[in-house]
Amino acid sequence: MKIEIEEENKNRITFKIENESDTLCNIIVKYLSTKKNVDFVAYKRKHFTENYTYLTIEMNSTKEKRQLPIIKDMIVSEVDDIINNLEKNIII
Protein backbone atom coordinates (compact mmCIF):
# COMPACT_ATOMS: atom_id res chain seq x y z
CA MET A 1 0.00 0.00 0.00
CA LYS A 2 1.27 3.45 -0.90
CA ILE A 3 -0.27 6.51 0.80
CA GLU A 4 0.42 10.10 -0.16
CA ILE A 5 -1.21 13.39 0.70
CA GLU A 6 -3.43 14.62 -2.12
CA GLU A 7 -4.70 17.80 -0.47
CA GLU A 8 -4.49 19.43 2.94
CA ASN A 9 -5.57 22.51 4.84
CA LYS A 10 -5.98 23.54 8.47
CA ASN A 11 -8.41 20.85 9.61
CA ARG A 12 -8.86 18.60 6.57
CA ILE A 13 -6.61 16.19 4.76
CA THR A 14 -7.17 13.92 1.77
CA PHE A 15 -4.96 10.89 1.27
CA LYS A 16 -4.43 9.16 -2.04
CA ILE A 17 -4.16 5.42 -1.37
CA GLU A 18 -2.86 3.12 -4.06
CA ASN A 19 -3.99 -0.49 -4.59
CA GLU A 20 -6.50 -0.76 -1.75
CA SER A 21 -10.02 -2.08 -1.87
CA ASP A 22 -13.30 -0.76 -0.57
CA THR A 23 -13.02 -3.25 2.28
CA LEU A 24 -10.04 -1.61 3.95
CA CYS A 25 -11.38 1.89 3.30
CA ASN A 26 -14.74 0.97 4.84
CA ILE A 27 -12.96 -0.32 7.93
CA ILE A 28 -10.91 2.87 8.22
CA VAL A 29 -13.99 5.09 7.79
CA LYS A 30 -15.98 3.09 10.34
CA TYR A 31 -13.15 3.17 12.85
CA LEU A 32 -12.27 6.86 12.48
CA SER A 33 -15.93 7.92 12.62
CA THR A 34 -15.96 6.77 16.26
CA LYS A 35 -13.20 9.21 17.22
CA LYS A 36 -14.39 12.33 19.05
CA ASN A 37 -11.97 14.65 17.29
CA VAL A 38 -13.12 13.57 13.80
CA ASP A 39 -16.01 15.55 12.29
CA PHE A 40 -16.02 13.91 8.87
CA VAL A 41 -14.43 10.89 7.25
CA ALA A 42 -15.20 9.36 3.86
CA TYR A 43 -13.56 7.77 0.88
CA LYS A 44 -14.22 7.68 -2.84
CA ARG A 45 -12.88 6.37 -6.10
CA LYS A 46 -12.96 8.85 -8.94
CA HIS A 47 -13.45 6.08 -11.48
CA PHE A 48 -13.68 2.30 -11.14
CA THR A 49 -10.75 1.79 -13.52
CA GLU A 50 -8.51 4.01 -11.41
CA ASN A 51 -6.22 2.23 -8.98
CA TYR A 52 -6.50 4.91 -6.29
CA THR A 53 -8.86 5.57 -3.41
CA TYR A 54 -9.15 9.01 -1.81
CA LEU A 55 -9.69 9.15 1.95
CA THR A 56 -10.76 12.49 3.42
CA ILE A 57 -10.65 13.26 7.13
CA GLU A 58 -11.80 16.46 8.77
CA MET A 59 -11.00 17.21 12.39
CA ASN A 60 -13.03 19.37 14.77
CA SER A 61 -12.89 22.94 13.51
CA THR A 62 -12.68 24.27 17.07
CA LYS A 63 -9.20 22.86 17.56
CA GLU A 64 -5.95 24.71 17.04
CA LYS A 65 -4.09 24.97 13.76
CA ARG A 66 -1.89 22.05 14.84
CA GLN A 67 -4.55 19.58 13.68
CA LEU A 68 -2.83 18.54 10.48
CA PRO A 69 0.15 16.79 12.13
CA ILE A 70 -2.31 15.08 14.49
CA ILE A 71 -4.36 13.85 11.51
CA LYS A 72 -1.27 12.54 9.71
CA ASP A 73 0.01 10.71 12.77
CA MET A 74 -3.45 9.36 13.59
CA ILE A 75 -4.13 7.95 10.12
CA VAL A 76 -0.74 6.28 9.85
CA SER A 77 -1.09 4.76 13.30
CA GLU A 78 -4.69 3.66 12.80
CA VAL A 79 -4.10 2.13 9.38
CA ASP A 80 -1.08 0.23 10.69
CA ASP A 81 -3.14 -1.08 13.62
CA ILE A 82 -6.03 -2.11 11.38
CA ILE A 83 -3.78 -3.93 8.92
CA ASN A 84 -1.88 -5.69 11.72
CA ASN A 85 -5.13 -6.82 13.35
CA LEU A 86 -6.49 -8.07 10.04
CA GLU A 87 -3.30 -9.99 9.28
CA LYS A 88 -3.41 -11.65 12.72
CA ASN A 89 -7.04 -12.69 12.34
CA ILE A 90 -7.17 -13.82 8.71
CA ILE A 91 -6.42 -17.42 7.93
CA ILE A 92 -5.29 -18.00 4.37
C-alpha atoms as a PDB file:
ATOM      1  CA  MET A   1       0.000   0.000   0.000  1.00  0.00           C
ATOM      2  CA  LYS A   2       1.266   3.451  -0.904  1.00  0.00           C
ATOM      3  CA  ILE A   3      -0.270   6.506   0.797  1.00  0.00           C
ATOM      4  CA  GLU A   4       0.415  10.103  -0.160  1.00  0.00           C
ATOM      5  CA  ILE A   5      -1.211  13.394   0.696  1.00  0.00           C
ATOM      6  CA  GLU A   6      -3.432  14.619  -2.117  1.00  0.00           C
ATOM      7  CA  GLU A   7      -4.704  17.805  -0.467  1.00  0.00           C
ATOM      8  CA  GLU A   8      -4.486  19.430   2.944  1.00  0.00           C
ATOM      9  CA  ASN A   9      -5.568  22.506   4.838  1.00  0.00           C
ATOM     10  CA  LYS A  10      -5.976  23.543   8.470  1.00  0.00           C
ATOM     11  CA  ASN A  11      -8.415  20.848   9.611  1.00  0.00           C
ATOM     12  CA  ARG A  12      -8.864  18.603   6.574  1.00  0.00           C
ATOM     13  CA  ILE A  13      -6.614  16.193   4.755  1.00  0.00           C
ATOM     14  CA  THR A  14      -7.165  13.916   1.766  1.00  0.00           C
ATOM     15  CA  PHE A  15      -4.955  10.892   1.275  1.00  0.00           C
ATOM     16  CA  LYS A  16      -4.426   9.155  -2.037  1.00  0.00           C
ATOM     17  CA  ILE A  17      -4.163   5.418  -1.365  1.00  0.00           C
ATOM     18  CA  GLU A  18      -2.855   3.120  -4.063  1.00  0.00           C
ATOM     19  CA  ASN A  19      -3.987  -0.487  -4.593  1.00  0.00           C
ATOM     20  CA  GLU A  20      -6.499  -0.765  -1.755  1.00  0.00           C
ATOM     21  CA  SER A  21     -10.016  -2.077  -1.871  1.00  0.00           C
ATOM     22  CA  ASP A  22     -13.300  -0.764  -0.569  1.00  0.00           C
ATOM     23  CA  THR A  23     -13.020  -3.248   2.281  1.00  0.00           C
ATOM     24  CA  LEU A  24     -10.039  -1.608   3.949  1.00  0.00           C
ATOM     25  CA  CYS A  25     -11.376   1.888   3.302  1.00  0.00           C
ATOM     26  CA  ASN A  26     -14.737   0.971   4.844  1.00  0.00           C
ATOM     27  CA  ILE A  27     -12.959  -0.325   7.934  1.00  0.00           C
ATOM     28  CA  ILE A  28     -10.908   2.868   8.224  1.00  0.00           C
ATOM     29  CA  VAL A  29     -13.987   5.085   7.794  1.00  0.00           C
ATOM     30  CA  LYS A  30     -15.982   3.087  10.343  1.00  0.00           C
ATOM     31  CA  TYR A  31     -13.146   3.172  12.851  1.00  0.00           C
ATOM     32  CA  LEU A  32     -12.267   6.859  12.479  1.00  0.00           C
ATOM     33  CA  SER A  33     -15.930   7.917  12.621  1.00  0.00           C
ATOM     34  CA  THR A  34     -15.958   6.766  16.262  1.00  0.00           C
ATOM     35  CA  LYS A  35     -13.198   9.207  17.215  1.00  0.00           C
ATOM     36  CA  LYS A  36     -14.395  12.327  19.052  1.00  0.00           C
ATOM     37  CA  ASN A  37     -11.974  14.653  17.293  1.00  0.00           C
ATOM     38  CA  VAL A  38     -13.118  13.571  13.797  1.00  0.00           C
ATOM     39  CA  ASP A  39     -16.013  15.547  12.289  1.00  0.00           C
ATOM     40  CA  PHE A  40     -16.024  13.909   8.868  1.00  0.00           C
ATOM     41  CA  VAL A  41     -14.427  10.888   7.248  1.00  0.00           C
ATOM     42  CA  ALA A  42     -15.200   9.363   3.864  1.00  0.00           C
ATOM     43  CA  TYR A  43     -13.559   7.770   0.880  1.00  0.00           C
ATOM     44  CA  LYS A  44     -14.217   7.681  -2.842  1.00  0.00           C
ATOM     45  CA  ARG A  45     -12.881   6.368  -6.097  1.00  0.00           C
ATOM     46  CA  LYS A  46     -12.965   8.854  -8.939  1.00  0.00           C
ATOM     47  CA  HIS A  47     -13.450   6.076 -11.483  1.00  0.00           C
ATOM     48  CA  PHE A  48     -13.680   2.302 -11.141  1.00  0.00           C
ATOM     49  CA  THR A  49     -10.754   1.792 -13.522  1.00  0.00           C
ATOM     50  CA  GLU A  50      -8.509   4.008 -11.411  1.00  0.00           C
ATOM     51  CA  ASN A  51      -6.219   2.225  -8.979  1.00  0.00           C
ATOM     52  CA  TYR A  52      -6.495   4.911  -6.286  1.00  0.00           C
ATOM     53  CA  THR A  53      -8.858   5.570  -3.406  1.00  0.00           C
ATOM     54  CA  TYR A  54      -9.148   9.011  -1.807  1.00  0.00           C
ATOM     55  CA  LEU A  55      -9.690   9.147   1.952  1.00  0.00           C
ATOM     56  CA  THR A  56     -10.756  12.491   3.416  1.00  0.00           C
ATOM     57  CA  ILE A  57     -10.650  13.258   7.130  1.00  0.00           C
ATOM     58  CA  GLU A  58     -11.804  16.464   8.769  1.00  0.00           C
ATOM     59  CA  MET A  59     -11.004  17.207  12.389  1.00  0.00           C
ATOM     60  CA  ASN A  60     -13.030  19.365  14.767  1.00  0.00           C
ATOM     61  CA  SER A  61     -12.894  22.944  13.514  1.00  0.00           C
ATOM     62  CA  THR A  62     -12.681  24.266  17.074  1.00  0.00           C
ATOM     63  CA  LYS A  63      -9.205  22.859  17.562  1.00  0.00           C
ATOM     64  CA  GLU A  64      -5.955  24.711  17.035  1.00  0.00           C
ATOM     65  CA  LYS A  65      -4.085  24.973  13.763  1.00  0.00           C
ATOM     66  CA  ARG A  66      -1.888  22.053  14.841  1.00  0.00           C
ATOM     67  CA  GLN A  67      -4.554  19.584  13.682  1.00  0.00           C
ATOM     68  CA  LEU A  68      -2.827  18.536  10.485  1.00  0.00           C
ATOM     69  CA  PRO A  69       0.147  16.791  12.129  1.00  0.00           C
ATOM     70  CA  ILE A  70      -2.311  15.083  14.486  1.00  0.00           C
ATOM     71  CA  ILE A  71      -4.357  13.846  11.515  1.00  0.00           C
ATOM     72  CA  LYS A  72      -1.272  12.544   9.712  1.00  0.00           C
ATOM     73  CA  ASP A  73       0.011  10.712  12.770  1.00  0.00           C
ATOM     74  CA  MET A  74      -3.448   9.357  13.586  1.00  0.00           C
ATOM     75  CA  ILE A  75      -4.133   7.954  10.124  1.00  0.00           C
ATOM     76  CA  VAL A  76      -0.737   6.283   9.846  1.00  0.00           C
ATOM     77  CA  SER A  77      -1.086   4.757  13.297  1.00  0.00           C
ATOM     78  CA  GLU A  78      -4.694   3.658  12.799  1.00  0.00           C
ATOM     79  CA  VAL A  79      -4.097   2.125   9.380  1.00  0.00           C
ATOM     80  CA  ASP A  80      -1.082   0.226  10.686  1.00  0.00           C
ATOM     81  CA  ASP A  81      -3.137  -1.080  13.621  1.00  0.00           C
ATOM     82  CA  ILE A  82      -6.034  -2.109  11.379  1.00  0.00           C
ATOM     83  CA  ILE A  83      -3.779  -3.928   8.922  1.00  0.00           C
ATOM     84  CA  ASN A  84      -1.881  -5.693  11.721  1.00  0.00           C
ATOM     85  CA  ASN A  85      -5.128  -6.819  13.346  1.00  0.00           C
ATOM     86  CA  LEU A  86      -6.486  -8.066  10.037  1.00  0.00           C
ATOM     87  CA  GLU A  87      -3.304  -9.995   9.283  1.00  0.00           C
ATOM     88  CA  LYS A  88      -3.411 -11.655  12.718  1.00  0.00           C
ATOM     89  CA  ASN A  89      -7.036 -12.694  12.338  1.00  0.00           C
ATOM     90  CA  ILE A  90      -7.175 -13.815   8.712  1.00  0.00           C
ATOM     91  CA  ILE A  91      -6.420 -17.420   7.929  1.00  0.00           C
ATOM     92  CA  ILE A  92      -5.288 -18.003   4.368  1.00  0.00           C
END
